[in-house]
Protein backbone atom coordinates (compact mmCIF):
# COMPACT_ATOMS: atom_id res chain seq x y z
CA UNK A 1 126.43 114.92 -80.49
CA UNK A 2 127.89 112.05 -77.98
CA UNK A 3 125.29 109.54 -79.58
CA UNK A 4 126.64 109.37 -83.00
CA UNK A 5 129.93 107.02 -82.38
CA UNK A 6 127.72 104.94 -79.81
CA UNK A 7 125.21 104.12 -82.35
CA UNK A 8 127.74 103.72 -85.30
CA UNK A 9 129.63 101.16 -83.17
CA UNK A 10 126.27 99.35 -82.26
CA UNK A 11 124.50 99.42 -85.57
CA UNK A 12 123.30 95.85 -86.79
CA UNK A 13 125.69 94.13 -84.13
CA UNK A 14 124.99 91.86 -81.09
CA UNK A 15 127.50 92.26 -78.18
CA UNK A 16 129.61 89.12 -77.89
CA UNK A 17 128.59 86.98 -75.07
CA UNK A 18 132.20 87.22 -73.52
CA UNK A 19 132.18 90.74 -71.76
CA UNK A 20 135.13 92.73 -72.30
CA UNK A 21 135.96 96.37 -71.25
CA UNK A 22 135.44 97.52 -74.54
CA UNK A 23 132.33 95.81 -75.06
CA UNK A 24 130.70 96.81 -71.67
CA UNK A 25 132.01 100.32 -72.33
CA UNK A 26 129.96 100.50 -75.67
CA UNK A 27 126.96 99.40 -73.47
CA UNK A 28 127.52 102.05 -70.97
CA UNK A 29 128.30 104.70 -73.41
CA UNK A 30 124.88 104.02 -75.06
CA UNK A 31 122.98 104.38 -71.67
CA UNK A 32 124.58 108.18 -71.76
CA UNK A 33 123.68 108.67 -74.96
CA UNK A 34 119.97 107.49 -74.23
CA UNK A 35 119.77 109.73 -71.27
CA UNK A 36 121.16 112.63 -73.17
CA UNK A 37 118.67 112.31 -76.01
CA UNK A 38 115.91 111.32 -73.42
CA UNK A 39 115.25 108.39 -75.84
CA UNK A 40 115.47 104.79 -74.14
CA UNK A 41 115.43 103.15 -77.30
CA UNK A 42 118.96 104.23 -77.86
CA UNK A 43 120.07 101.66 -75.10
CA UNK A 44 121.34 99.09 -77.06
CA UNK A 45 121.56 96.06 -77.04
CA UNK A 46 117.89 95.62 -76.06
CA UNK A 47 116.32 92.39 -74.51
CA UNK A 48 113.11 91.30 -75.30
CA UNK A 49 112.55 91.19 -71.67
CA UNK A 50 114.06 93.78 -69.50
CA UNK A 51 113.75 93.96 -65.87
CA UNK A 52 113.56 97.94 -65.03
CA UNK A 53 113.62 99.34 -61.29
CA UNK A 54 114.00 102.97 -60.67
CA UNK A 55 114.61 104.02 -56.94
CA UNK A 56 114.04 100.33 -56.10
CA UNK A 57 110.69 99.84 -57.62
CA UNK A 58 109.62 98.35 -60.54
CA UNK A 59 109.04 100.84 -63.58
CA UNK A 60 108.16 101.02 -67.21
CA UNK A 61 111.20 101.40 -69.03
CA UNK A 62 109.66 103.15 -71.93
CA UNK A 63 108.58 106.06 -69.41
CA UNK A 64 111.79 105.75 -67.07
CA UNK A 65 114.18 108.44 -66.04
CA UNK A 66 115.94 108.02 -69.65
CA UNK A 67 112.73 109.59 -71.14
CA UNK A 68 114.06 113.02 -70.04
CA UNK A 69 116.60 114.63 -71.75
CA UNK A 70 119.50 115.20 -69.37
CA UNK A 71 123.14 116.77 -70.34
CA UNK A 72 125.77 115.59 -68.14
CA UNK A 73 128.71 117.67 -66.56
CA UNK A 74 130.31 114.29 -65.41
CA UNK A 75 130.11 110.62 -66.16
CA UNK A 76 132.19 107.80 -65.14
CA UNK A 77 131.68 104.02 -65.62
CA UNK A 78 132.84 100.84 -63.70
CA UNK A 79 133.08 97.89 -65.91
CA UNK A 80 132.64 94.42 -64.32
CA UNK A 81 133.93 91.81 -66.94
CA UNK A 82 133.17 88.79 -64.36
CA UNK A 83 129.42 89.56 -63.85
CA UNK A 84 129.02 91.19 -67.16
CA UNK A 85 127.78 94.27 -65.71
CA UNK A 86 128.31 98.20 -65.44
CA UNK A 87 127.71 101.03 -63.16
CA UNK A 88 127.53 105.09 -64.26
CA UNK A 89 127.86 107.86 -62.23
CA UNK A 90 126.07 110.68 -63.91
CA UNK A 91 126.03 114.18 -62.69
CA UNK A 92 124.14 117.08 -64.12
CA UNK A 93 124.61 120.39 -62.15
CA UNK A 94 123.99 122.89 -65.27
CA UNK A 95 120.64 122.17 -66.42
CA UNK A 96 117.39 123.74 -65.62
CA UNK A 97 116.66 120.87 -63.05
CA UNK A 98 119.84 119.10 -61.59
CA UNK A 99 120.42 115.49 -61.26
CA UNK A 100 122.80 113.09 -59.87
CA UNK A 101 122.22 109.64 -60.91
CA UNK A 102 123.52 106.05 -60.69
CA UNK A 103 122.84 103.17 -62.97
CA UNK A 104 123.47 99.49 -62.50
CA UNK A 105 123.45 97.51 -66.03
CA UNK A 106 123.30 93.99 -66.12
CA UNK A 107 123.76 91.69 -69.53
CA UNK A 108 122.83 88.01 -70.09
CA UNK A 109 123.92 86.20 -73.12
CA UNK A 110 124.79 89.39 -74.83
CA UNK A 111 121.78 91.30 -74.22
CA UNK A 112 120.92 93.87 -71.51
CA UNK A 113 118.61 91.87 -69.08
CA UNK A 114 118.39 94.25 -66.10
CA UNK A 115 118.73 98.06 -65.29
CA UNK A 116 118.55 99.47 -61.85
CA UNK A 117 118.49 103.20 -61.60
CA UNK A 118 118.66 105.71 -58.90
CA UNK A 119 117.83 109.23 -59.39
CA UNK A 120 118.27 112.35 -57.30
CA UNK A 121 117.35 115.76 -57.53
CA UNK A 122 116.70 118.74 -55.21
CA UNK A 123 114.93 117.61 -52.07
CA UNK A 124 116.84 114.49 -51.74
CA UNK A 125 119.48 113.46 -49.19
CA UNK A 126 121.75 116.52 -48.89
CA UNK A 127 121.50 117.07 -52.47
CA UNK A 128 123.60 119.48 -54.03
CA UNK A 129 124.83 118.83 -57.49
CA UNK A 130 127.10 121.68 -58.06
CA UNK A 131 128.88 120.46 -54.74
CA UNK A 132 128.73 116.88 -56.05
CA UNK A 133 130.43 117.84 -59.17
CA UNK A 134 133.09 120.00 -57.68
CA UNK A 135 134.41 117.11 -55.44
CA UNK A 136 133.78 114.17 -57.90
CA UNK A 137 135.58 115.89 -60.73
CA UNK A 138 138.55 116.55 -58.56
CA UNK A 139 139.11 112.82 -57.22
CA UNK A 140 141.24 110.18 -59.03
CA UNK A 141 139.30 107.26 -60.15
CA UNK A 142 141.58 106.15 -62.87
CA UNK A 143 143.13 102.64 -63.70
CA UNK A 144 145.55 100.93 -60.80
CA UNK A 145 148.59 99.55 -62.10
CA UNK A 146 148.09 95.76 -62.44
CA UNK A 147 150.79 94.90 -59.92
CA UNK A 148 148.88 97.30 -57.42
CA UNK A 149 145.04 96.13 -58.01
CA UNK A 150 143.28 94.41 -55.05
CA UNK A 151 141.09 91.27 -55.79
CA UNK A 152 137.37 91.32 -56.11
CA UNK A 153 137.24 89.74 -52.65
CA UNK A 154 139.38 92.22 -51.09
CA UNK A 155 137.39 95.37 -52.81
CA UNK A 156 133.82 93.83 -51.75
CA UNK A 157 135.11 92.97 -48.24
CA UNK A 158 136.20 96.66 -47.97
CA UNK A 159 132.82 97.76 -48.99
CA UNK A 160 130.94 95.16 -46.67
CA UNK A 161 133.16 96.26 -43.76
CA UNK A 162 131.93 99.99 -44.19
CA UNK A 163 128.22 98.68 -44.83
CA UNK A 164 128.10 96.59 -41.70
CA UNK A 165 129.41 98.92 -39.24
CA UNK A 166 126.13 101.27 -39.38
CA UNK A 167 124.43 98.13 -37.39
CA UNK A 168 127.50 96.77 -35.70
CA UNK A 169 130.11 99.01 -34.54
CA UNK A 170 132.75 96.25 -33.59
CA UNK A 171 133.36 95.90 -37.11
CA UNK A 172 136.66 96.65 -38.30
CA UNK A 173 136.72 99.12 -41.18
CA UNK A 174 139.84 99.45 -43.44
CA UNK A 175 139.89 103.04 -43.44
CA UNK A 176 142.31 104.65 -45.84
CA UNK A 177 144.20 107.86 -45.01
CA UNK A 178 143.28 110.16 -46.62
CA UNK A 179 139.66 108.76 -47.26
CA UNK A 180 136.95 111.11 -48.23
CA UNK A 181 133.10 110.63 -48.27
CA UNK A 182 130.79 112.43 -50.72
CA UNK A 183 127.02 112.28 -49.54
CA UNK A 184 124.83 114.29 -51.64
CA UNK A 185 126.84 117.29 -52.03
CA UNK A 186 128.31 117.36 -48.63
CA UNK A 187 132.17 116.42 -48.47
CA UNK A 188 134.11 114.84 -45.23
CA UNK A 189 137.32 115.98 -46.62
CA UNK A 190 138.93 119.15 -48.03
CA UNK A 191 141.20 117.18 -50.71
CA UNK A 192 144.05 117.13 -48.21
CA UNK A 193 146.45 114.32 -46.72
CA UNK A 194 144.17 114.34 -43.49
CA UNK A 195 140.70 113.68 -44.81
CA UNK A 196 138.69 111.13 -42.96
CA UNK A 197 135.71 108.99 -44.16
CA UNK A 198 134.79 107.68 -40.54
CA UNK A 199 132.78 110.64 -39.24
CA UNK A 200 128.95 110.69 -39.18
CA UNK A 201 128.29 107.23 -39.19
CA UNK A 202 124.64 106.25 -38.00
CA UNK A 203 124.12 103.63 -35.30
CA UNK A 204 121.56 100.56 -35.52
CA UNK A 205 120.78 100.95 -39.27
CA UNK A 206 120.53 97.86 -41.39
CA UNK A 207 121.89 98.22 -44.93
CA UNK A 208 120.56 94.96 -46.84
CA UNK A 209 119.30 93.76 -50.37
CA UNK A 210 123.22 94.32 -51.65
CA UNK A 211 123.49 94.34 -55.26
CA UNK A 212 127.29 94.89 -56.23
CA UNK A 213 129.27 95.86 -59.50
CA UNK A 214 132.98 95.48 -59.04
CA UNK A 215 135.68 96.82 -61.37
CA UNK A 216 139.43 95.70 -60.18
CA UNK A 217 140.98 97.69 -62.96
CA UNK A 218 139.95 101.18 -61.02
CA UNK A 219 139.47 99.50 -57.61
CA UNK A 220 135.74 100.37 -57.72
CA UNK A 221 132.74 98.91 -56.28
CA UNK A 222 128.97 100.28 -56.51
CA UNK A 223 126.68 98.51 -54.12
CA UNK A 224 122.57 99.16 -54.65
CA UNK A 225 120.92 98.66 -51.30
CA UNK A 226 118.48 99.36 -48.96
CA UNK A 227 119.11 101.98 -46.26
CA UNK A 228 116.52 101.10 -43.94
CA UNK A 229 113.26 102.05 -45.89
CA UNK A 230 115.45 103.86 -48.42
CA UNK A 231 116.92 103.24 -51.94
CA UNK A 232 120.51 103.97 -51.62
CA UNK A 233 124.01 103.64 -53.65
CA UNK A 234 127.24 103.57 -51.95
CA UNK A 235 130.11 103.38 -54.53
CA UNK A 236 133.58 103.00 -53.19
CA UNK A 237 137.29 103.38 -54.46
CA UNK A 238 139.74 100.90 -52.74
CA UNK A 239 143.45 101.29 -52.85
CA UNK A 240 145.73 98.50 -51.25
CA UNK A 241 142.79 97.32 -49.28
CA UNK A 242 141.81 100.56 -47.56
CA UNK A 243 138.85 102.94 -48.54
CA UNK A 244 139.86 106.12 -50.24
CA UNK A 245 136.71 107.25 -51.65
CA UNK A 246 132.87 106.92 -50.90
CA UNK A 247 130.05 108.60 -52.97
CA UNK A 248 126.39 107.92 -52.01
CA UNK A 249 122.97 108.70 -53.46
CA UNK A 250 119.92 108.76 -51.48
CA UNK A 251 116.53 109.36 -53.10
CA UNK A 252 114.30 110.25 -50.08
CA UNK A 253 110.64 109.48 -51.85
CA UNK A 254 109.22 111.84 -49.58
CA UNK A 255 110.59 110.25 -46.30
CA UNK A 256 112.25 112.42 -43.64
CA UNK A 257 114.94 109.87 -42.73
CA UNK A 258 115.97 106.23 -43.14
CA UNK A 259 113.93 105.14 -40.12
CA UNK A 260 110.90 107.23 -41.19
CA UNK A 261 111.43 109.39 -38.05
CA UNK A 262 114.11 111.74 -39.38
CA UNK A 263 116.68 109.76 -37.60
CA UNK A 264 119.70 107.88 -38.69
CA UNK A 265 121.11 109.99 -41.72
CA UNK A 266 119.83 113.26 -40.33
CA UNK A 267 122.24 112.44 -37.28
CA UNK A 268 125.09 111.99 -39.78
CA UNK A 269 124.50 115.55 -41.33
CA UNK A 270 125.38 117.35 -38.10
CA UNK A 271 128.59 115.62 -37.84
CA UNK A 272 129.91 116.12 -41.65
């Protein structure tokens, strides 16, 4: 099982207060092990007080999505050594119930202090785990040579420009070419040089309450936020200051659209 090397590495130890990519990966791997086993206790190192939110709502950690055993077909971590935080993309397309989940995890003084989980399945925005897996597994989110890496400020600015254009069309977004957006299971590209992200962008929608996890090594930033009334994650790959990939996760929670009236994101699906 995946859990065994993770638990061996963590047994009887505490994470050092200084965050390294290696130590953060151990913690992020333990989250995946916990999700596979359906056992939140495998998430290490635990804190005596843990803030846990699921789909932007406070929830009971011991009865969280981690209590459901889910086998992944794809996982990927971003590791933020500056803020001591991680983001994990988790796609399960082959199980009895498919999932596409995202997790932001934060550490304080060597212990996990906060975990924010977004979990989507059948009925959520454009949900198609098979399509998500197909496109996500073909993209290159690997390490960028150090000399070509963007700064944290540049990576966040690119993400913020994209998120700001939803409410202000005068914002200049650093669109890359190619650039592809994976929204639910819908993909704006075909894996070719002419792929574009600048299609199907709603108007007049505020994307607020942003929480960032940034990994300069791979040019990635995940932003958990509120998309009007909905919980949402927008993750970006930035190369040379330009947007290359965009992944979104949006639990619907029974709502027809971010405005509650079927507008906004519903308009986008017709353009994708």
